[in-house]
Amino acid sequence: MLETEAEIRADILENLQKLKTCRIAAINCKCKSETMFFNVLNAMVDNGEVEKNDNFIWLPKKE
């Protein structure tokens, strides 16, 4: 189980580098705390590290 913010962030980025797009639920189910997962995910969206919709996350397109 992913327990820390750093572990969650690293797992999100690792999955997206491999798969390009990932279902939010696929990572959320590996986290000990759903609240912490969404806090990390929302912070990553706010920082421009990832983009998301209701079901999926992906790396932003580089311009």
PDB file of N, CA and C in Angstrom:
ATOM      1  N   MET A   1       0.839  -1.185   0.000  1.00  0.00           N
ATOM      2  CA  MET A   1       0.000   0.000   0.000  1.00  0.00           C
ATOM      3  C   MET A   1       0.885   1.249   0.000  1.00  0.00           C
ATOM      4  N   LEU A   2       0.464   2.224  -0.762  1.00  0.00           N
ATOM      5  CA  LEU A   2       1.171   3.497  -0.787  1.00  0.00           C
ATOM      6  C   LEU A   2       0.693   4.327   0.400  1.00  0.00           C
ATOM      7  N   GLU A   3       1.645   4.778   1.225  1.00  0.00           N
ATOM      8  CA  GLU A   3       1.265   5.456   2.462  1.00  0.00           C
ATOM      9  C   GLU A   3       1.639   6.929   2.504  1.00  0.00           C
ATOM     10  N   THR A   4       2.729   7.323   1.856  1.00  0.00           N
ATOM     11  CA  THR A   4       3.183   8.709   1.966  1.00  0.00           C
ATOM     12  C   THR A   4       2.900   9.473   0.679  1.00  0.00           C
ATOM     13  N   GLU A   5       2.907  10.792   0.803  1.00  0.00           N
ATOM     14  CA  GLU A   5       2.695  11.635  -0.374  1.00  0.00           C
ATOM     15  C   GLU A   5       3.767  11.378  -1.425  1.00  0.00           C
ATOM     16  N   ALA A   6       5.007  11.201  -0.985  1.00  0.00           N
ATOM     17  CA  ALA A   6       6.107  10.959  -1.924  1.00  0.00           C
ATOM     18  C   ALA A   6       5.911   9.645  -2.676  1.00  0.00           C
ATOM     19  N   GLU A   7       5.464   8.603  -1.974  1.00  0.00           N
ATOM     20  CA  GLU A   7       5.221   7.312  -2.631  1.00  0.00           C
ATOM     21  C   GLU A   7       4.094   7.424  -3.655  1.00  0.00           C
ATOM     22  N   ILE A   8       3.042   8.136  -3.295  1.00  0.00           N
ATOM     23  CA  ILE A   8       1.906   8.301  -4.203  1.00  0.00           C
ATOM     24  C   ILE A   8       2.328   9.085  -5.436  1.00  0.00           C
ATOM     25  N   ARG A   9       3.024  10.194  -5.240  1.00  0.00           N
ATOM     26  CA  ARG A   9       3.482  11.030  -6.359  1.00  0.00           C
ATOM     27  C   ARG A   9       4.395  10.226  -7.290  1.00  0.00           C
ATOM     28  N   ALA A  10       5.328   9.490  -6.718  1.00  0.00           N
ATOM     29  CA  ALA A  10       6.257   8.690  -7.523  1.00  0.00           C
ATOM     30  C   ALA A  10       5.515   7.616  -8.309  1.00  0.00           C
ATOM     31  N   ASP A  11       4.530   6.977  -7.689  1.00  0.00           N
ATOM     32  CA  ASP A  11       3.765   5.932  -8.371  1.00  0.00           C
ATOM     33  C   ASP A  11       2.945   6.511  -9.519  1.00  0.00           C
ATOM     34  N   ILE A  12       2.330   7.664  -9.298  1.00  0.00           N
ATOM     35  CA  ILE A  12       1.564   8.317 -10.362  1.00  0.00           C
ATOM     36  C   ILE A  12       2.471   8.611 -11.549  1.00  0.00           C
ATOM     37  N   LEU A  13       3.606   9.241 -11.300  1.00  0.00           N
ATOM     38  CA  LEU A  13       4.512   9.607 -12.391  1.00  0.00           C
ATOM     39  C   LEU A  13       5.085   8.382 -13.090  1.00  0.00           C
ATOM     40  N   GLU A  14       5.425   7.349 -12.332  1.00  0.00           N
ATOM     41  CA  GLU A  14       5.961   6.121 -12.921  1.00  0.00           C
ATOM     42  C   GLU A  14       4.925   5.466 -13.836  1.00  0.00           C
ATOM     43  N   ASN A  15       3.692   5.380 -13.376  1.00  0.00           N
ATOM     44  CA  ASN A  15       2.630   4.794 -14.197  1.00  0.00           C
ATOM     45  C   ASN A  15       2.404   5.596 -15.467  1.00  0.00           C
ATOM     46  N   LEU A  16       2.389   6.911 -15.353  1.00  0.00           N
ATOM     47  CA  LEU A  16       2.118   7.740 -16.525  1.00  0.00           C
ATOM     48  C   LEU A  16       3.273   7.726 -17.519  1.00  0.00           C
ATOM     49  N   GLN A  17       4.498   7.603 -17.049  1.00  0.00           N
ATOM     50  CA  GLN A  17       5.626   7.513 -17.974  1.00  0.00           C
ATOM     51  C   GLN A  17       5.562   6.225 -18.774  1.00  0.00           C
ATOM     52  N   LYS A  18       5.077   5.151 -18.159  1.00  0.00           N
ATOM     53  CA  LYS A  18       4.960   3.865 -18.851  1.00  0.00           C
ATOM     54  C   LYS A  18       3.729   3.813 -19.747  1.00  0.00           C
ATOM     55  N   LEU A  19       2.585   4.246 -19.211  1.00  0.00           N
ATOM     56  CA  LEU A  19       1.300   4.008 -19.865  1.00  0.00           C
ATOM     57  C   LEU A  19       0.722   5.224 -20.586  1.00  0.00           C
ATOM     58  N   LYS A  20       1.226   6.408 -20.290  1.00  0.00           N
ATOM     59  CA  LYS A  20       0.770   7.683 -20.856  1.00  0.00           C
ATOM     60  C   LYS A  20      -0.581   8.136 -20.299  1.00  0.00           C
ATOM     61  N   THR A  21      -1.516   7.219 -20.091  1.00  0.00           N
ATOM     62  CA  THR A  21      -2.820   7.518 -19.501  1.00  0.00           C
ATOM     63  C   THR A  21      -3.125   6.425 -18.490  1.00  0.00           C
ATOM     64  N   CYS A  22      -3.727   6.801 -17.387  1.00  0.00           N
ATOM     65  CA  CYS A  22      -4.018   5.810 -16.349  1.00  0.00           C
ATOM     66  C   CYS A  22      -5.356   6.130 -15.697  1.00  0.00           C
ATOM     67  N   ARG A  23      -6.095   5.088 -15.373  1.00  0.00           N
ATOM     68  CA  ARG A  23      -7.349   5.252 -14.633  1.00  0.00           C
ATOM     69  C   ARG A  23      -7.037   5.683 -13.208  1.00  0.00           C
ATOM     70  N   ILE A  24      -7.725   6.701 -12.733  1.00  0.00           N
ATOM     71  CA  ILE A  24      -7.528   7.190 -11.371  1.00  0.00           C
ATOM     72  C   ILE A  24      -7.728   6.058 -10.367  1.00  0.00           C
ATOM     73  N   ALA A  25      -8.745   5.248 -10.573  1.00  0.00           N
ATOM     74  CA  ALA A  25      -9.052   4.162  -9.637  1.00  0.00           C
ATOM     75  C   ALA A  25      -7.928   3.135  -9.545  1.00  0.00           C
ATOM     76  N   ALA A  26      -7.163   2.964 -10.621  1.00  0.00           N
ATOM     77  CA  ALA A  26      -6.077   1.979 -10.620  1.00  0.00           C
ATOM     78  C   ALA A  26      -4.978   2.363  -9.637  1.00  0.00           C
ATOM     79  N   ILE A  27      -4.756   3.637  -9.446  1.00  0.00           N
ATOM     80  CA  ILE A  27      -3.746   4.083  -8.483  1.00  0.00           C
ATOM     81  C   ILE A  27      -4.376   4.271  -7.105  1.00  0.00           C
ATOM     82  N   ASN A  28      -5.571   4.816  -7.083  1.00  0.00           N
ATOM     83  CA  ASN A  28      -6.253   5.054  -5.812  1.00  0.00           C
ATOM     84  C   ASN A  28      -6.389   3.770  -5.001  1.00  0.00           C
ATOM     85  N   CYS A  29      -6.650   2.648  -5.663  1.00  0.00           N
ATOM     86  CA  CYS A  29      -6.857   1.390  -4.936  1.00  0.00           C
ATOM     87  C   CYS A  29      -5.568   0.882  -4.287  1.00  0.00           C
ATOM     88  N   LYS A  30      -4.405   1.417  -4.693  1.00  0.00           N
ATOM     89  CA  LYS A  30      -3.131   1.012  -4.097  1.00  0.00           C
ATOM     90  C   LYS A  30      -2.749   1.886  -2.899  1.00  0.00           C
ATOM     91  N   CYS A  31      -3.544   2.915  -2.634  1.00  0.00           N
ATOM     92  CA  CYS A  31      -3.219   3.866  -1.573  1.00  0.00           C
ATOM     93  C   CYS A  31      -3.932   3.516  -0.278  1.00  0.00           C
ATOM     94  N   LYS A  32      -3.227   3.721   0.809  1.00  0.00           N
ATOM     95  CA  LYS A  32      -3.812   3.457   2.127  1.00  0.00           C
ATOM     96  C   LYS A  32      -4.919   4.464   2.433  1.00  0.00           C
ATOM     97  N   SER A  33      -4.740   5.707   1.987  1.00  0.00           N
ATOM     98  CA  SER A  33      -5.713   6.764   2.269  1.00  0.00           C
ATOM     99  C   SER A  33      -6.203   7.391   0.966  1.00  0.00           C
ATOM    100  N   GLU A  34      -7.502   7.275   0.716  1.00  0.00           N
ATOM    101  CA  GLU A  34      -8.087   7.885  -0.479  1.00  0.00           C
ATOM    102  C   GLU A  34      -7.974   9.404  -0.420  1.00  0.00           C
ATOM    103  N   THR A  35      -8.153   9.968   0.761  1.00  0.00           N
ATOM    104  CA  THR A  35      -8.054  11.416   0.922  1.00  0.00           C
ATOM    105  C   THR A  35      -6.661  11.909   0.567  1.00  0.00           C
ATOM    106  N   MET A  36      -5.636  11.225   1.055  1.00  0.00           N
ATOM    107  CA  MET A  36      -4.266  11.629   0.742  1.00  0.00           C
ATOM    108  C   MET A  36      -4.003  11.510  -0.754  1.00  0.00           C
ATOM    109  N   PHE A  37      -4.498  10.441  -1.377  1.00  0.00           N
ATOM    110  CA  PHE A  37      -4.315  10.271  -2.815  1.00  0.00           C
ATOM    111  C   PHE A  37      -4.884  11.467  -3.567  1.00  0.00           C
ATOM    112  N   PHE A  38      -6.120  11.856  -3.261  1.00  0.00           N
ATOM    113  CA  PHE A  38      -6.734  12.964  -3.986  1.00  0.00           C
ATOM    114  C   PHE A  38      -6.071  14.297  -3.654  1.00  0.00           C
ATOM    115  N   ASN A  39      -5.562  14.466  -2.446  1.00  0.00           N
ATOM    116  CA  ASN A  39      -4.805  15.681  -2.119  1.00  0.00           C
ATOM    117  C   ASN A  39      -3.543  15.772  -2.970  1.00  0.00           C
ATOM    118  N   VAL A  40      -2.817  14.660  -3.095  1.00  0.00           N
ATOM    119  CA  VAL A  40      -1.601  14.631  -3.916  1.00  0.00           C
ATOM    120  C   VAL A  40      -1.957  14.860  -5.380  1.00  0.00           C
ATOM    121  N   LEU A  41      -2.976  14.168  -5.872  1.00  0.00           N
ATOM    122  CA  LEU A  41      -3.376  14.307  -7.272  1.00  0.00           C
ATOM    123  C   LEU A  41      -3.790  15.737  -7.588  1.00  0.00           C
ATOM    124  N   ASN A  42      -4.597  16.343  -6.739  1.00  0.00           N
ATOM    125  CA  ASN A  42      -5.032  17.719  -6.976  1.00  0.00           C
ATOM    126  C   ASN A  42      -3.863  18.695  -6.925  1.00  0.00           C
ATOM    127  N   ALA A  43      -2.904  18.469  -6.041  1.00  0.00           N
ATOM    128  CA  ALA A  43      -1.708  19.320  -5.989  1.00  0.00           C
ATOM    129  C   ALA A  43      -0.902  19.177  -7.276  1.00  0.00           C
ATOM    130  N   MET A  44      -0.808  17.955  -7.797  1.00  0.00           N
ATOM    131  CA  MET A  44      -0.072  17.729  -9.043  1.00  0.00           C
ATOM    132  C   MET A  44      -0.774  18.414 -10.217  1.00  0.00           C
ATOM    133  N   VAL A  45      -2.096  18.401 -10.230  1.00  0.00           N
ATOM    134  CA  VAL A  45      -2.856  19.097 -11.275  1.00  0.00           C
ATOM    135  C   VAL A  45      -2.619  20.600 -11.153  1.00  0.00           C
ATOM    136  N   ASP A  46      -2.702  21.135  -9.946  1.00  0.00           N
ATOM    137  CA  ASP A  46      -2.485  22.566  -9.713  1.00  0.00           C
ATOM    138  C   ASP A  46      -1.089  23.001 -10.138  1.00  0.00           C
ATOM    139  N   ASN A  47      -0.088  22.125  -9.972  1.00  0.00           N
ATOM    140  CA  ASN A  47       1.297  22.432 -10.350  1.00  0.00           C
ATOM    141  C   ASN A  47       1.575  22.183 -11.823  1.00  0.00           C
ATOM    142  N   GLY A  48       0.600  21.662 -12.557  1.00  0.00           N
ATOM    143  CA  GLY A  48       0.788  21.392 -13.978  1.00  0.00           C
ATOM    144  C   GLY A  48       1.558  20.118 -14.272  1.00  0.00           C
ATOM    145  N   GLU A  49       1.754  19.263 -13.269  1.00  0.00           N
ATOM    146  CA  GLU A  49       2.494  18.014 -13.470  1.00  0.00           C
ATOM    147  C   GLU A  49       1.672  16.978 -14.224  1.00  0.00           C
ATOM    148  N   VAL A  50       0.362  16.959 -13.989  1.00  0.00           N
ATOM    149  CA  VAL A  50      -0.548  16.026 -14.658  1.00  0.00           C
ATOM    150  C   VAL A  50      -1.844  16.755 -14.988  1.00  0.00           C
ATOM    151  N   GLU A  51      -2.616  16.146 -15.876  1.00  0.00           N
ATOM    152  CA  GLU A  51      -3.963  16.626 -16.176  1.00  0.00           C
ATOM    153  C   GLU A  51      -4.921  15.489 -15.878  1.00  0.00           C
ATOM    154  N   LYS A  52      -6.192  15.823 -15.634  1.00  0.00           N
ATOM    155  CA  LYS A  52      -7.153  14.767 -15.315  1.00  0.00           C
ATOM    156  C   LYS A  52      -8.552  15.161 -15.748  1.00  0.00           C
ATOM    157  N   ASN A  53      -9.393  14.129 -15.877  1.00  0.00           N
ATOM    158  CA  ASN A  53     -10.829  14.330 -15.977  1.00  0.00           C
ATOM    159  C   ASN A  53     -11.450  13.495 -14.867  1.00  0.00           C
ATOM    160  N   ASP A  54     -12.696  13.133 -14.984  1.00  0.00           N
ATOM    161  CA  ASP A  54     -13.344  12.393 -13.893  1.00  0.00           C
ATOM    162  C   ASP A  54     -12.765  11.003 -13.669  1.00  0.00           C
ATOM    163  N   ASN A  55     -12.219  10.377 -14.713  1.00  0.00           N
ATOM    164  CA  ASN A  55     -11.787   8.984 -14.603  1.00  0.00           C
ATOM    165  C   ASN A  55     -10.309   8.734 -14.870  1.00  0.00           C
ATOM    166  N   PHE A  56      -9.656   9.613 -15.624  1.00  0.00           N
ATOM    167  CA  PHE A  56      -8.296   9.349 -16.077  1.00  0.00           C
ATOM    168  C   PHE A  56      -7.355  10.490 -15.729  1.00  0.00           C
ATOM    169  N   ILE A  57      -6.058  10.142 -15.642  1.00  0.00           N
ATOM    170  CA  ILE A  57      -4.999  11.141 -15.519  1.00  0.00           C
ATOM    171  C   ILE A  57      -3.989  10.893 -16.626  1.00  0.00           C
ATOM    172  N   TRP A  58      -3.286  11.945 -17.043  1.00  0.00           N
ATOM    173  CA  TRP A  58      -2.281  11.835 -18.083  1.00  0.00           C
ATOM    174  C   TRP A  58      -1.279  12.971 -17.924  1.00  0.00           C
ATOM    175  N   LEU A  59      -0.129  12.787 -18.545  1.00  0.00           N
ATOM    176  CA  LEU A  59       0.892  13.833 -18.533  1.00  0.00           C
ATOM    177  C   LEU A  59       0.477  14.924 -19.504  1.00  0.00           C
ATOM    178  N   PRO A  60       0.705  16.188 -19.162  1.00  0.00           N
ATOM    179  CA  PRO A  60       0.335  17.268 -20.083  1.00  0.00           C
ATOM    180  C   PRO A  60       1.195  17.216 -21.341  1.00  0.00           C
ATOM    181  N   LYS A  61       0.618  17.650 -22.443  1.00  0.00           N
ATOM    182  CA  LYS A  61       1.371  17.695 -23.698  1.00  0.00           C
ATOM    183  C   LYS A  61       2.385  18.819 -23.618  1.00  0.00           C
ATOM    184  N   LYS A  62       3.605  18.507 -24.066  1.00  0.00           N
ATOM    185  CA  LYS A  62       4.661  19.519 -24.069  1.00  0.00           C
ATOM    186  C   LYS A  62       4.529  20.355 -25.327  1.00  0.00           C
ATOM    187  N   GLU A  63       4.662  21.657 -25.150  1.00  0.00           N
ATOM    188  CA  GLU A  63       4.522  22.568 -26.288  1.00  0.00           C
ATOM    189  C   GLU A  63       5.852  22.873 -26.909  1.00  0.00           C
TER     190      GLU A  63
END
